[in-house]
Amino acid sequence: MGKSSAIEQGEAYVLKSLISKKTIYALKFEWFDTGTPQALHYSTAEYKSSDDPFILPKENECIWFIKDQVIKFSSERLFISNRVKKLNI
């Protein structure tokens, strides 16, 4: 129900249903478009803070250093599988 209307109306579809049930208020905020590498670099620099995690950029992989923890993510299943095997050795 509503599938084609939702696709045609986009965000307005949800807003219409919310308006009928609740009062909605707009919040003003500064928007950074991050659709290009240059824009992403600019917005990252704007939001940078001294306690942000240090993230090493890698192809298909991210590593976060947060205090004394290391969090690794990879979109490659074989890579992850091999890491788990290595951990168990």
PDB file of N, CA and C in Angstrom:
ATOM      1  N   MET A   1       0.830  -1.186   0.000  1.00  0.00           N
ATOM      2  CA  MET A   1       0.000   0.000   0.000  1.00  0.00           C
ATOM      3  C   MET A   1       0.877   1.253   0.000  1.00  0.00           C
ATOM      4  N   GLY A   2       0.614   2.167  -0.913  1.00  0.00           N
ATOM      5  CA  GLY A   2       1.351   3.410  -0.953  1.00  0.00           C
ATOM      6  C   GLY A   2       2.700   3.331  -1.632  1.00  0.00           C
ATOM      7  N   LYS A   3       3.074   2.147  -2.129  1.00  0.00           N
ATOM      8  CA  LYS A   3       4.415   1.972  -2.694  1.00  0.00           C
ATOM      9  C   LYS A   3       4.684   2.930  -3.858  1.00  0.00           C
ATOM     10  N   SER A   4       3.771   2.984  -4.841  1.00  0.00           N
ATOM     11  CA  SER A   4       4.015   3.870  -5.991  1.00  0.00           C
ATOM     12  C   SER A   4       3.904   5.336  -5.583  1.00  0.00           C
ATOM     13  N   SER A   5       2.987   5.668  -4.668  1.00  0.00           N
ATOM     14  CA  SER A   5       2.877   7.051  -4.190  1.00  0.00           C
ATOM     15  C   SER A   5       4.145   7.462  -3.460  1.00  0.00           C
ATOM     16  N   ALA A   6       4.678   6.561  -2.652  1.00  0.00           N
ATOM     17  CA  ALA A   6       5.906   6.856  -1.903  1.00  0.00           C
ATOM     18  C   ALA A   6       7.060   7.120  -2.857  1.00  0.00           C
ATOM     19  N   ILE A   7       7.153   6.348  -3.908  1.00  0.00           N
ATOM     20  CA  ILE A   7       8.240   6.523  -4.881  1.00  0.00           C
ATOM     21  C   ILE A   7       8.068   7.852  -5.623  1.00  0.00           C
ATOM     22  N   GLU A   8       6.852   8.153  -6.027  1.00  0.00           N
ATOM     23  CA  GLU A   8       6.593   9.391  -6.770  1.00  0.00           C
ATOM     24  C   GLU A   8       6.804  10.636  -5.912  1.00  0.00           C
ATOM     25  N   GLN A   9       6.406  10.581  -4.631  1.00  0.00           N
ATOM     26  CA  GLN A   9       6.440  11.756  -3.766  1.00  0.00           C
ATOM     27  C   GLN A   9       7.733  11.888  -2.962  1.00  0.00           C
ATOM     28  N   GLY A  10       8.479  10.823  -2.820  1.00  0.00           N
ATOM     29  CA  GLY A  10       9.736  10.871  -2.075  1.00  0.00           C
ATOM     30  C   GLY A  10       9.520  11.232  -0.615  1.00  0.00           C
ATOM     31  N   GLU A  11      10.348  12.144  -0.096  1.00  0.00           N
ATOM     32  CA  GLU A  11      10.279  12.538   1.315  1.00  0.00           C
ATOM     33  C   GLU A  11       8.930  13.137   1.677  1.00  0.00           C
ATOM     34  N   ALA A  12       8.280  13.780   0.717  1.00  0.00           N
ATOM     35  CA  ALA A  12       6.985  14.418   0.984  1.00  0.00           C
ATOM     36  C   ALA A  12       5.946  13.394   1.419  1.00  0.00           C
ATOM     37  N   TYR A  13       6.058  12.163   0.947  1.00  0.00           N
ATOM     38  CA  TYR A  13       5.114  11.103   1.310  1.00  0.00           C
ATOM     39  C   TYR A  13       5.110  10.879   2.827  1.00  0.00           C
ATOM     40  N   VAL A  14       6.285  10.781   3.402  1.00  0.00           N
ATOM     41  CA  VAL A  14       6.406  10.572   4.842  1.00  0.00           C
ATOM     42  C   VAL A  14       5.969  11.815   5.599  1.00  0.00           C
ATOM     43  N   LEU A  15       6.391  12.982   5.136  1.00  0.00           N
ATOM     44  CA  LEU A  15       6.025  14.230   5.805  1.00  0.00           C
ATOM     45  C   LEU A  15       4.510  14.413   5.864  1.00  0.00           C
ATOM     46  N   LYS A  16       3.805  14.065   4.787  1.00  0.00           N
ATOM     47  CA  LYS A  16       2.343  14.190   4.774  1.00  0.00           C
ATOM     48  C   LYS A  16       1.715  13.340   5.872  1.00  0.00           C
ATOM     49  N   SER A  17       2.198  12.132   6.050  1.00  0.00           N
ATOM     50  CA  SER A  17       1.617  11.270   7.089  1.00  0.00           C
ATOM     51  C   SER A  17       1.969  11.784   8.483  1.00  0.00           C
ATOM     52  N   LEU A  18       3.146  12.356   8.656  1.00  0.00           N
ATOM     53  CA  LEU A  18       3.526  12.911   9.956  1.00  0.00           C
ATOM     54  C   LEU A  18       2.703  14.155  10.292  1.00  0.00           C
ATOM     55  N   ILE A  19       2.489  15.005   9.307  1.00  0.00           N
ATOM     56  CA  ILE A  19       1.748  16.248   9.525  1.00  0.00           C
ATOM     57  C   ILE A  19       0.323  15.955   9.996  1.00  0.00           C
ATOM     58  N   SER A  20      -0.261  14.890   9.473  1.00  0.00           N
ATOM     59  CA  SER A  20      -1.639  14.568   9.860  1.00  0.00           C
ATOM     60  C   SER A  20      -1.720  14.074  11.309  1.00  0.00           C
ATOM     61  N   LYS A  21      -0.595  13.653  11.902  1.00  0.00           N
ATOM     62  CA  LYS A  21      -0.600  13.091  13.256  1.00  0.00           C
ATOM     63  C   LYS A  21       0.056  13.993  14.293  1.00  0.00           C
ATOM     64  N   LYS A  22       1.012  14.809  13.884  1.00  0.00           N
ATOM     65  CA  LYS A  22       1.785  15.617  14.829  1.00  0.00           C
ATOM     66  C   LYS A  22       2.105  16.976  14.239  1.00  0.00           C
ATOM     67  N   THR A  23       2.527  17.877  15.102  1.00  0.00           N
ATOM     68  CA  THR A  23       3.032  19.168  14.642  1.00  0.00           C
ATOM     69  C   THR A  23       4.511  19.002  14.329  1.00  0.00           C
ATOM     70  N   ILE A  24       4.915  19.490  13.185  1.00  0.00           N
ATOM     71  CA  ILE A  24       6.301  19.350  12.758  1.00  0.00           C
ATOM     72  C   ILE A  24       6.940  20.736  12.717  1.00  0.00           C
ATOM     73  N   TYR A  25       8.154  20.837  13.220  1.00  0.00           N
ATOM     74  CA  TYR A  25       8.895  22.089  13.236  1.00  0.00           C
ATOM     75  C   TYR A  25      10.147  21.947  12.384  1.00  0.00           C
ATOM     76  N   ALA A  26      10.504  23.022  11.717  1.00  0.00           N
ATOM     77  CA  ALA A  26      11.730  23.032  10.912  1.00  0.00           C
ATOM     78  C   ALA A  26      12.888  23.524  11.777  1.00  0.00           C
ATOM     79  N   LEU A  27      14.040  22.938  11.573  1.00  0.00           N
ATOM     80  CA  LEU A  27      15.262  23.375  12.246  1.00  0.00           C
ATOM     81  C   LEU A  27      16.218  23.906  11.193  1.00  0.00           C
ATOM     82  N   LYS A  28      16.766  25.070  11.442  1.00  0.00           N
ATOM     83  CA  LYS A  28      17.735  25.639  10.523  1.00  0.00           C
ATOM     84  C   LYS A  28      19.116  25.063  10.854  1.00  0.00           C
ATOM     85  N   PHE A  29      19.843  24.655   9.840  1.00  0.00           N
ATOM     86  CA  PHE A  29      21.190  24.144  10.038  1.00  0.00           C
ATOM     87  C   PHE A  29      22.022  24.411   8.798  1.00  0.00           C
ATOM     88  N   GLU A  30      23.334  24.350   8.964  1.00  0.00           N
ATOM     89  CA  GLU A  30      24.232  24.563   7.839  1.00  0.00           C
ATOM     90  C   GLU A  30      24.441  23.230   7.118  1.00  0.00           C
ATOM     91  N   TRP A  31      24.249  23.239   5.813  1.00  0.00           N
ATOM     92  CA  TRP A  31      24.332  22.029   5.004  1.00  0.00           C
ATOM     93  C   TRP A  31      25.657  21.989   4.252  1.00  0.00           C
ATOM     94  N   PHE A  32      26.338  20.865   4.298  1.00  0.00           N
ATOM     95  CA  PHE A  32      27.559  20.654   3.520  1.00  0.00           C
ATOM     96  C   PHE A  32      27.279  19.555   2.502  1.00  0.00           C
ATOM     97  N   ASP A  33      27.398  19.890   1.225  1.00  0.00           N
ATOM     98  CA  ASP A  33      27.224  18.895   0.169  1.00  0.00           C
ATOM     99  C   ASP A  33      28.517  18.098   0.067  1.00  0.00           C
ATOM    100  N   THR A  34      28.443  16.790   0.211  1.00  0.00           N
ATOM    101  CA  THR A  34      29.648  15.950   0.165  1.00  0.00           C
ATOM    102  C   THR A  34      29.650  15.042  -1.062  1.00  0.00           C
ATOM    103  N   GLY A  35      29.066  15.519  -2.158  1.00  0.00           N
ATOM    104  CA  GLY A  35      28.949  14.706  -3.365  1.00  0.00           C
ATOM    105  C   GLY A  35      30.198  14.634  -4.226  1.00  0.00           C
ATOM    106  N   THR A  36      31.231  15.387  -3.897  1.00  0.00           N
ATOM    107  CA  THR A  36      32.488  15.320  -4.648  1.00  0.00           C
ATOM    108  C   THR A  36      33.629  15.136  -3.654  1.00  0.00           C
ATOM    109  N   PRO A  37      34.769  14.607  -4.098  1.00  0.00           N
ATOM    110  CA  PRO A  37      35.907  14.458  -3.178  1.00  0.00           C
ATOM    111  C   PRO A  37      36.326  15.787  -2.542  1.00  0.00           C
ATOM    112  N   GLN A  38      36.289  16.873  -3.318  1.00  0.00           N
ATOM    113  CA  GLN A  38      36.669  18.175  -2.778  1.00  0.00           C
ATOM    114  C   GLN A  38      35.681  18.628  -1.701  1.00  0.00           C
ATOM    115  N   ALA A  39      34.393  18.450  -1.946  1.00  0.00           N
ATOM    116  CA  ALA A  39      33.369  18.856  -0.978  1.00  0.00           C
ATOM    117  C   ALA A  39      33.456  17.995   0.286  1.00  0.00           C
ATOM    118  N   LEU A  40      33.727  16.711   0.118  1.00  0.00           N
ATOM    119  CA  LEU A  40      33.881  15.828   1.275  1.00  0.00           C
ATOM    120  C   LEU A  40      35.079  16.263   2.115  1.00  0.00           C
ATOM    121  N   HIS A  41      36.189  16.585   1.459  1.00  0.00           N
ATOM    122  CA  HIS A  41      37.383  17.046   2.170  1.00  0.00           C
ATOM    123  C   HIS A  41      37.077  18.319   2.954  1.00  0.00           C
ATOM    124  N   TYR A  42      36.373  19.253   2.334  1.00  0.00           N
ATOM    125  CA  TYR A  42      36.031  20.518   2.988  1.00  0.00           C
ATOM    126  C   TYR A  42      35.142  20.273   4.210  1.00  0.00           C
ATOM    127  N   SER A  43      34.078  19.475   4.045  1.00  0.00           N
ATOM    128  CA  SER A  43      33.154  19.259   5.159  1.00  0.00           C
ATOM    129  C   SER A  43      33.814  18.463   6.278  1.00  0.00           C
ATOM    130  N   THR A  44      34.698  17.530   5.937  1.00  0.00           N
ATOM    131  CA  THR A  44      35.431  16.780   6.957  1.00  0.00           C
ATOM    132  C   THR A  44      36.299  17.730   7.787  1.00  0.00           C
ATOM    133  N   ALA A  45      36.960  18.664   7.115  1.00  0.00           N
ATOM    134  CA  ALA A  45      37.800  19.641   7.816  1.00  0.00           C
ATOM    135  C   ALA A  45      36.955  20.558   8.694  1.00  0.00           C
ATOM    136  N   GLU A  46      35.773  20.938   8.226  1.00  0.00           N
ATOM    137  CA  GLU A  46      34.890  21.823   8.991  1.00  0.00           C
ATOM    138  C   GLU A  46      34.400  21.174  10.281  1.00  0.00           C
ATOM    139  N   TYR A  47      34.154  19.858  10.242  1.00  0.00           N
ATOM    140  CA  TYR A  47      33.608  19.165  11.401  1.00  0.00           C
ATOM    141  C   TYR A  47      34.673  18.486  12.265  1.00  0.00           C
ATOM    142  N   LYS A  48      35.928  18.601  11.883  1.00  0.00           N
ATOM    143  CA  LYS A  48      37.016  17.941  12.603  1.00  0.00           C
ATOM    144  C   LYS A  48      37.099  18.446  14.038  1.00  0.00           C
ATOM    145  N   SER A  49      37.317  17.521  14.946  1.00  0.00           N
ATOM    146  CA  SER A  49      37.473  17.875  16.355  1.00  0.00           C
ATOM    147  C   SER A  49      38.644  17.083  16.922  1.00  0.00           C
ATOM    148  N   SER A  50      39.235  17.583  17.982  1.00  0.00           N
ATOM    149  CA  SER A  50      40.452  16.959  18.527  1.00  0.00           C
ATOM    150  C   SER A  50      40.221  15.548  19.056  1.00  0.00           C
ATOM    151  N   ASP A  51      38.988  15.187  19.411  1.00  0.00           N
ATOM    152  CA  ASP A  51      38.741  13.843  19.929  1.00  0.00           C
ATOM    153  C   ASP A  51      38.144  12.895  18.881  1.00  0.00           C
ATOM    154  N   ASP A  52      38.165  13.301  17.606  1.00  0.00           N
ATOM    155  CA  ASP A  52      37.677  12.425  16.540  1.00  0.00           C
ATOM    156  C   ASP A  52      38.585  11.210  16.403  1.00  0.00           C
ATOM    157  N   PRO A  53      38.020  10.057  16.011  1.00  0.00           N
ATOM    158  CA  PRO A  53      38.875   8.903  15.745  1.00  0.00           C
ATOM    159  C   PRO A  53      39.717   9.145  14.497  1.00  0.00           C
ATOM    160  N   PHE A  54      40.896   8.548  14.460  1.00  0.00           N
ATOM    161  CA  PHE A  54      41.767   8.642  13.291  1.00  0.00           C
ATOM    162  C   PHE A  54      41.415   7.481  12.372  1.00  0.00           C
ATOM    163  N   ILE A  55      41.034   7.755  11.138  1.00  0.00           N
ATOM    164  CA  ILE A  55      40.587   6.719  10.208  1.00  0.00           C
ATOM    165  C   ILE A  55      41.563   6.644   9.043  1.00  0.00           C
ATOM    166  N   LEU A  56      42.121   5.456   8.810  1.00  0.00           N
ATOM    167  CA  LEU A  56      43.030   5.237   7.680  1.00  0.00           C
ATOM    168  C   LEU A  56      42.210   4.868   6.447  1.00  0.00           C
ATOM    169  N   PRO A  57      42.294   5.645   5.371  1.00  0.00           N
ATOM    170  CA  PRO A  57      41.526   5.297   4.174  1.00  0.00           C
ATOM    171  C   PRO A  57      42.183   4.145   3.411  1.00  0.00           C
ATOM    172  N   LYS A  58      41.416   3.100   3.134  1.00  0.00           N
ATOM    173  CA  LYS A  58      41.891   1.957   2.347  1.00  0.00           C
ATOM    174  C   LYS A  58      40.768   1.509   1.418  1.00  0.00           C
ATOM    175  N   GLU A  59      41.125   0.888   0.327  1.00  0.00           N
ATOM    176  CA  GLU A  59      40.152   0.354  -0.611  1.00  0.00           C
ATOM    177  C   GLU A  59      39.370  -0.780   0.052  1.00  0.00           C
ATOM    178  N   ASN A  60      38.055  -0.695   0.085  1.00  0.00           N
ATOM    179  CA  ASN A  60      37.164  -1.722   0.648  1.00  0.00           C
ATOM    180  C   ASN A  60      37.396  -2.020   2.127  1.00  0.00           C
ATOM    181  N   GLU A  61      38.098  -1.142   2.829  1.00  0.00           N
ATOM    182  CA  GLU A  61      38.394  -1.416   4.237  1.00  0.00           C
ATOM    183  C   GLU A  61      38.494  -0.099   5.009  1.00  0.00           C
ATOM    184  N   CYS A  62      38.042  -0.114   6.236  1.00  0.00           N
ATOM    185  CA  CYS A  62      38.182   1.039   7.120  1.00  0.00           C
ATOM    186  C   CYS A  62      38.737   0.556   8.449  1.00  0.00           C
ATOM    187  N   ILE A  63      39.600   1.345   9.029  1.00  0.00           N
ATOM    188  CA  ILE A  63      40.154   1.044  10.346  1.00  0.00           C
ATOM    189  C   ILE A  63      39.976   2.287  11.197  1.00  0.00           C
ATOM    190  N   TRP A  64      39.323   2.131  12.342  1.00  0.00           N
ATOM    191  CA  TRP A  64      39.122   3.238  13.275  1.00  0.00           C
ATOM    192  C   TRP A  64      39.952   2.995  14.518  1.00  0.00           C
ATOM    193  N   PHE A  65      40.667   4.009  14.965  1.00  0.00           N
ATOM    194  CA  PHE A  65      41.407   3.967  16.225  1.00  0.00           C
ATOM    195  C   PHE A  65      40.673   4.890  17.186  1.00  0.00           C
ATOM    196  N   ILE A  66      40.031   4.315  18.185  1.00  0.00           N
ATOM    197  CA  ILE A  66      39.274   5.091  19.155  1.00  0.00           C
ATOM    198  C   ILE A  66      39.799   4.742  20.544  1.00  0.00           C
ATOM    199  N   LYS A  67      40.507   5.705  21.135  1.00  0.00           N
ATOM    200  CA  LYS A  67      41.178   5.509  22.421  1.00  0.00           C
ATOM    201  C   LYS A  67      42.060   4.276  22.341  1.00  0.00           C
ATOM    202  N   ASP A  68      41.787   3.227  23.137  1.00  0.00           N
ATOM    203  CA  ASP A  68      42.651   2.036  23.113  1.00  0.00           C
ATOM    204  C   ASP A  68      42.037   0.889  22.311  1.00  0.00           C
ATOM    205  N   GLN A  69      41.061   1.194  21.446  1.00  0.00           N
ATOM    206  CA  GLN A  69      40.411   0.164  20.642  1.00  0.00           C
ATOM    207  C   GLN A  69      40.701   0.361  19.154  1.00  0.00           C
ATOM    208  N   VAL A  70      40.712  -0.760  18.419  1.00  0.00           N
ATOM    209  CA  VAL A  70      40.847  -0.730  16.969  1.00  0.00           C
ATOM    210  C   VAL A  70      39.639  -1.454  16.395  1.00  0.00           C
ATOM    211  N   ILE A  71      38.924  -0.789  15.495  1.00  0.00           N
ATOM    212  CA  ILE A  71      37.759  -1.390  14.850  1.00  0.00           C
ATOM    213  C   ILE A  71      38.065  -1.482  13.368  1.00  0.00           C
ATOM    214  N   LYS A  72      37.936  -2.694  12.802  1.00  0.00           N
ATOM    215  CA  LYS A  72      38.205  -2.899  11.377  1.00  0.00           C
ATOM    216  C   LYS A  72      36.919  -3.301  10.673  1.00  0.00           C
ATOM    217  N   PHE A  73      36.728  -2.768   9.471  1.00  0.00           N
ATOM    218  CA  PHE A  73      35.601  -3.122   8.624  1.00  0.00           C
ATOM    219  C   PHE A  73      36.118  -3.368   7.221  1.00  0.00           C
ATOM    220  N   SER A  74      35.586  -4.407   6.581  1.00  0.00           N
ATOM    221  CA  SER A  74      35.916  -4.668   5.184  1.00  0.00           C
ATOM    222  C   SER A  74      34.676  -5.190   4.478  1.00  0.00           C
ATOM    223  N   SER A  75      34.504  -4.805   3.221  1.00  0.00           N
ATOM    224  CA  SER A  75      33.384  -5.304   2.431  1.00  0.00           C
ATOM    225  C   SER A  75      33.740  -6.618   1.723  1.00  0.00           C
ATOM    226  N   GLU A  76      34.972  -7.076   1.890  1.00  0.00           N
ATOM    227  CA  GLU A  76      35.426  -8.311   1.244  1.00  0.00           C
ATOM    228  C   GLU A  76      35.249  -9.502   2.199  1.00  0.00           C
ATOM    229  N   ARG A  77      34.348 -10.412   1.870  1.00  0.00           N
ATOM    230  CA  ARG A  77      34.057 -11.558   2.738  1.00  0.00           C
ATOM    231  C   ARG A  77      35.270 -12.463   2.949  1.00  0.00           C
ATOM    232  N   LEU A  78      36.030 -12.730   1.900  1.00  0.00           N
ATOM    233  CA  LEU A  78      37.194 -13.600   2.016  1.00  0.00           C
ATOM    234  C   LEU A  78      38.228 -12.988   2.952  1.00  0.00           C
ATOM    235  N   PHE A  79      38.433 -11.682   2.853  1.00  0.00           N
ATOM    236  CA  PHE A  79      39.364 -10.979   3.725  1.00  0.00           C
ATOM    237  C   PHE A  79      38.955 -11.176   5.188  1.00  0.00           C
ATOM    238  N   ILE A  80      37.680 -10.961   5.473  1.00  0.00           N
ATOM    239  CA  ILE A  80      37.175 -11.124   6.840  1.00  0.00           C
ATOM    240  C   ILE A  80      37.314 -12.570   7.298  1.00  0.00           C
ATOM    241  N   SER A  81      36.959 -13.494   6.436  1.00  0.00           N
ATOM    242  CA  SER A  81      37.067 -14.918   6.775  1.00  0.00           C
ATOM    243  C   SER A  81      38.505 -15.284   7.132  1.00  0.00           C
ATOM    244  N   ASN A  82      39.467 -14.779   6.357  1.00  0.00           N
ATOM    245  CA  ASN A  82      40.879 -15.056   6.635  1.00  0.00           C
ATOM    246  C   ASN A  82      41.330 -14.414   7.941  1.00  0.00           C
ATOM    247  N   ARG A  83      40.804 -13.231   8.259  1.00  0.00           N
ATOM    248  CA  ARG A  83      41.137 -12.571   9.534  1.00  0.00           C
ATOM    249  C   ARG A  83      40.628 -13.387  10.715  1.00  0.00           C
ATOM    250  N   VAL A  84      39.425 -13.941  10.580  1.00  0.00           N
ATOM    251  CA  VAL A  84      38.865 -14.773  11.668  1.00  0.00           C
ATOM    252  C   VAL A  84      39.707 -16.035  11.837  1.00  0.00           C
ATOM    253  N   LYS A  85      40.110 -16.667  10.715  1.00  0.00           N
ATOM    254  CA  LYS A  85      40.958 -17.858  10.793  1.00  0.00           C
ATOM    255  C   LYS A  85      42.280 -17.518  11.475  1.00  0.00           C
ATOM    256  N   LYS A  86      42.888 -16.392  11.104  1.00  0.00           N
ATOM    257  CA  LYS A  86      44.146 -15.958  11.689  1.00  0.00           C
ATOM    258  C   LYS A  86      43.987 -15.717  13.188  1.00  0.00           C
ATOM    259  N   LEU A  87      42.877 -15.131  13.585  1.00  0.00           N
ATOM    260  CA  LEU A  87      42.607 -14.877  15.001  1.00  0.00           C
ATOM    261  C   LEU A  87      42.544 -16.183  15.781  1.00  0.00           C
ATOM    262  N   ASN A  88      41.959 -17.222  15.198  1.00  0.00           N
ATOM    263  CA  ASN A  88      41.803 -18.511  15.894  1.00  0.00           C
ATOM    264  C   ASN A  88      43.097 -19.317  15.963  1.00  0.00           C
ATOM    265  N   ILE A  89      44.091 -18.937  15.159  1.00  0.00           N
ATOM    266  CA  ILE A  89      45.399 -19.603  15.215  1.00  0.00           C
ATOM    267  C   ILE A  89      46.176 -18.995  16.318  1.00  0.00           C
TER     268      ILE A  89
END
